[in-house]
């Protein structure tokens, strides 16, 4: 997405009545921050960090991106605009699924626009390698009790093969998938 959308100025936050600071409230605040829980800082959610580098994209965000009526259209577009350094990668099963659904639900032009965008470098479709089919089968059997289709399995296989953990998906079930080391894939749209 080469163009930037005009941003509206943020409205000021509502005023909150705060108690006057006194020596006693200052002491309570200092005491509260000396506990071990207060000393550890929480890492911000991946959703709020600018992402650079490769990101695997499932079919849902692609369908939403090329369908302005989709409820995920604005969040996907906003994520892409906020993360211009992200290198989008997907798989041919995902491209097939996205194009078929765009052509069926919207129009053939929507599917062609996805392919035109890919041809301009908006996303790269990673080809399978010699071991991909066996790994997709292994993953499909491992997650047989979940709604896991070929496109999902191809994303999980590509993540493992390319040693990537960041995905864009509107599916909550990506949260349960683990790589071979037991680490979850990080869904940047739902993090």
Protein backbone atom coordinates (compact mmCIF):
# COMPACT_ATOMS: atom_id res chain seq x y z
CA UNK A 1 0.00 0.00 0.00
CA UNK A 2 1.99 2.93 -1.26
CA UNK A 3 -0.45 5.69 -0.37
CA UNK A 4 -1.06 6.94 3.11
CA UNK A 5 -4.57 7.72 4.27
CA UNK A 6 -5.21 11.09 5.88
CA UNK A 7 -5.31 10.75 9.63
CA UNK A 8 -7.90 12.42 11.78
CA UNK A 9 -6.61 14.26 14.80
CA UNK A 10 -7.24 12.21 17.90
CA UNK A 11 -9.85 13.62 20.24
CA UNK A 12 -8.50 14.54 23.66
CA UNK A 13 -8.95 11.88 26.33
CA UNK A 14 -11.74 12.50 28.84
CA UNK A 15 -10.67 14.33 31.97
CA UNK A 16 -10.28 12.11 34.99
CA UNK A 17 -10.50 13.46 38.51
CA UNK A 18 -7.32 12.50 40.31
CA UNK A 19 -6.78 12.84 44.04
CA UNK A 20 -4.29 15.43 45.18
CA UNK A 21 -0.86 13.98 45.75
CA UNK A 22 0.21 14.10 49.34
CA UNK A 23 3.17 12.67 51.17
CA UNK A 24 0.96 9.76 52.23
CA UNK A 25 -0.19 8.94 48.67
CA UNK A 26 3.40 9.30 47.44
CA UNK A 27 4.56 6.83 50.12
CA UNK A 28 1.78 4.38 49.15
CA UNK A 29 2.80 4.65 45.51
CA UNK A 30 6.47 4.04 46.35
CA UNK A 31 5.54 1.06 48.52
CA UNK A 32 3.34 -0.39 45.78
CA UNK A 33 6.15 -0.18 43.24
CA UNK A 34 8.70 -2.00 45.38
CA UNK A 35 6.94 -5.39 45.08
CA UNK A 36 8.30 -7.90 42.59
CA UNK A 37 5.26 -7.64 40.33
CA UNK A 38 5.74 -3.89 40.01
CA UNK A 39 9.41 -4.29 39.09
CA UNK A 40 8.75 -6.43 36.02
CA UNK A 41 7.62 -4.54 32.94
CA UNK A 42 5.08 -6.12 30.65
CA UNK A 43 6.01 -6.42 27.02
CA UNK A 44 3.54 -4.49 24.86
CA UNK A 45 1.22 -6.49 22.68
CA UNK A 46 2.62 -7.27 19.22
CA UNK A 47 -0.41 -5.46 17.79
CA UNK A 48 1.00 -2.12 18.98
CA UNK A 49 4.57 -2.61 17.80
CA UNK A 50 5.69 -1.60 14.32
CA UNK A 51 6.65 -4.80 12.55
CA UNK A 52 9.45 -5.05 10.05
CA UNK A 53 10.48 -8.25 8.38
CA UNK A 54 8.57 -11.21 7.01
CA UNK A 55 4.95 -11.91 7.96
CA UNK A 56 2.92 -14.88 6.72
CA UNK A 57 -0.57 -13.90 5.54
CA UNK A 58 -3.64 -16.16 5.69
CA UNK A 59 -6.53 -15.84 3.24
CA UNK A 60 -8.84 -13.88 5.60
CA UNK A 61 -6.82 -10.64 5.58
CA UNK A 62 -6.35 -10.90 1.80
CA UNK A 63 -10.09 -11.30 1.25
CA UNK A 64 -10.79 -8.42 3.63
CA UNK A 65 -8.22 -6.18 1.95
CA UNK A 66 -9.91 -6.55 -1.44
CA UNK A 67 -13.48 -6.36 -0.09
CA UNK A 68 -14.30 -2.93 1.35
CA UNK A 69 -17.56 -4.29 2.83
CA UNK A 70 -15.71 -6.88 4.95
CA UNK A 71 -15.64 -6.00 8.66
CA UNK A 72 -11.89 -6.75 8.73
CA UNK A 73 -11.12 -4.43 5.78
CA UNK A 74 -10.32 -1.36 7.92
CA UNK A 75 -8.25 -3.23 10.56
CA UNK A 76 -6.18 -5.02 7.89
CA UNK A 77 -5.63 -1.84 5.93
CA UNK A 78 -4.70 0.08 9.09
CA UNK A 79 -2.21 -2.65 10.07
CA UNK A 80 -0.59 -2.53 6.63
CA UNK A 81 -0.34 1.26 6.71
CA UNK A 82 1.15 1.18 10.22
CA UNK A 83 3.70 -1.49 9.22
CA UNK A 84 5.15 -0.46 5.84
CA UNK A 85 8.36 -2.41 6.54
CA UNK A 86 6.55 -5.74 6.82
CA UNK A 87 7.37 -8.14 3.98
CA UNK A 88 4.18 -10.06 3.23
CA UNK A 89 4.52 -13.70 2.29
CA UNK A 90 1.83 -16.25 1.66
CA UNK A 91 1.39 -19.60 -0.04
CA UNK A 92 -0.22 -20.75 -3.25
CA UNK A 93 -3.00 -22.63 -1.39
CA UNK A 94 -3.85 -19.35 0.38
CA UNK A 95 -3.80 -17.45 -2.93
CA UNK A 96 -6.08 -20.07 -4.49
CA UNK A 97 -8.54 -19.90 -1.58
CA UNK A 98 -8.55 -16.09 -1.48
CA UNK A 99 -9.03 -15.72 -5.24
CA UNK A 100 -11.83 -18.31 -5.33
CA UNK A 101 -13.69 -16.65 -2.46
CA UNK A 102 -13.21 -13.13 -3.84
CA UNK A 103 -14.48 -14.20 -7.27
CA UNK A 104 -17.47 -15.98 -5.75
CA UNK A 105 -18.42 -13.38 -3.10
CA UNK A 106 -17.48 -10.13 -4.84
CA UNK A 107 -16.49 -10.32 -8.50
CA UNK A 108 -13.72 -11.72 -10.66
CA UNK A 109 -12.12 -8.26 -10.67
CA UNK A 110 -11.50 -8.52 -6.92
CA UNK A 111 -9.55 -11.76 -7.43
CA UNK A 112 -7.64 -10.23 -10.33
CA UNK A 113 -6.82 -7.17 -8.21
CA UNK A 114 -5.24 -9.47 -5.60
CA UNK A 115 -3.08 -11.04 -8.32
CA UNK A 116 -2.19 -7.62 -9.77
CA UNK A 117 -1.15 -6.45 -6.30
CA UNK A 118 1.05 -9.53 -5.94
CA UNK A 119 2.58 -8.90 -9.38
CA UNK A 120 3.50 -5.35 -8.24
CA UNK A 121 5.27 -6.81 -5.18
CA UNK A 122 2.56 -6.30 -2.54
CA UNK A 123 2.91 -9.92 -1.44
CA UNK A 124 5.06 -12.88 -2.42
CA UNK A 125 3.65 -16.37 -2.81
CA UNK A 126 6.18 -18.86 -1.46
CA UNK A 127 6.41 -22.07 -3.48
CA UNK A 128 6.30 -25.43 -1.74
CA UNK A 129 9.48 -27.49 -1.57
CA UNK A 130 10.03 -31.26 -1.79
CA UNK A 131 9.07 -31.92 1.85
CA UNK A 132 6.07 -29.58 2.00
CA UNK A 133 3.36 -32.14 1.22
CA UNK A 134 4.58 -34.57 3.88
CA UNK A 135 4.76 -31.76 6.46
CA UNK A 136 1.28 -30.44 5.52
CA UNK A 137 -0.07 -33.96 5.97
CA UNK A 138 1.67 -34.31 9.35
CA UNK A 139 0.27 -30.96 10.53
CA UNK A 140 -3.21 -31.76 9.23
CA UNK A 141 -3.20 -35.05 11.14
CA UNK A 142 -1.81 -33.38 14.27
CA UNK A 143 -4.60 -30.77 14.28
CA UNK A 144 -7.35 -33.04 12.88
CA UNK A 145 -9.78 -32.04 15.64
CA UNK A 146 -9.59 -28.35 14.60
CA UNK A 147 -11.04 -26.61 11.54
CA UNK A 148 -7.67 -26.86 9.77
CA UNK A 149 -7.72 -26.66 5.96
CA UNK A 150 -5.01 -26.85 3.31
CA UNK A 151 -4.44 -23.08 3.31
CA UNK A 152 -3.96 -23.07 7.11
CA UNK A 153 -1.69 -26.11 6.95
CA UNK A 154 0.39 -24.46 4.22
CA UNK A 155 0.87 -21.36 6.41
CA UNK A 156 1.94 -23.52 9.37
CA UNK A 157 4.30 -25.56 7.14
CA UNK A 158 5.84 -22.44 5.62
CA UNK A 159 6.24 -20.89 9.08
CA UNK A 160 8.16 -23.98 10.22
CA UNK A 161 10.26 -24.25 7.06
CA UNK A 162 11.17 -20.54 6.97
CA UNK A 163 11.46 -20.33 10.78
CA UNK A 164 8.85 -17.56 10.97
CA UNK A 165 6.42 -17.00 13.84
CA UNK A 166 4.49 -13.87 12.77
CA UNK A 167 1.23 -14.31 10.89
CA UNK A 168 -1.70 -12.14 9.85
CA UNK A 169 -4.96 -13.99 10.22
CA UNK A 170 -8.50 -13.20 11.25
CA UNK A 171 -8.91 -16.79 12.48
CA UNK A 172 -8.68 -17.22 16.24
CA UNK A 173 -7.65 -20.87 15.79
CA UNK A 174 -4.14 -19.82 14.73
CA UNK A 175 -3.61 -19.05 18.41
CA UNK A 176 -3.52 -22.78 19.26
CA UNK A 177 -0.97 -23.86 16.66
CA UNK A 178 2.58 -24.49 17.86
CA UNK A 179 5.82 -24.91 16.00
CA UNK A 180 8.06 -27.93 16.59
CA UNK A 181 9.65 -26.19 19.58
CA UNK A 182 6.20 -25.70 21.14
CA UNK A 183 6.11 -21.94 20.56
CA UNK A 184 2.86 -20.36 19.37
CA UNK A 185 2.59 -18.49 16.11
CA UNK A 186 2.09 -14.79 16.84
CA UNK A 187 -1.01 -13.49 15.09
CA UNK A 188 -0.31 -9.79 14.63
CA UNK A 189 -3.96 -8.93 13.92
CA UNK A 190 -5.22 -10.53 17.11
CA UNK A 191 -2.22 -10.07 19.45
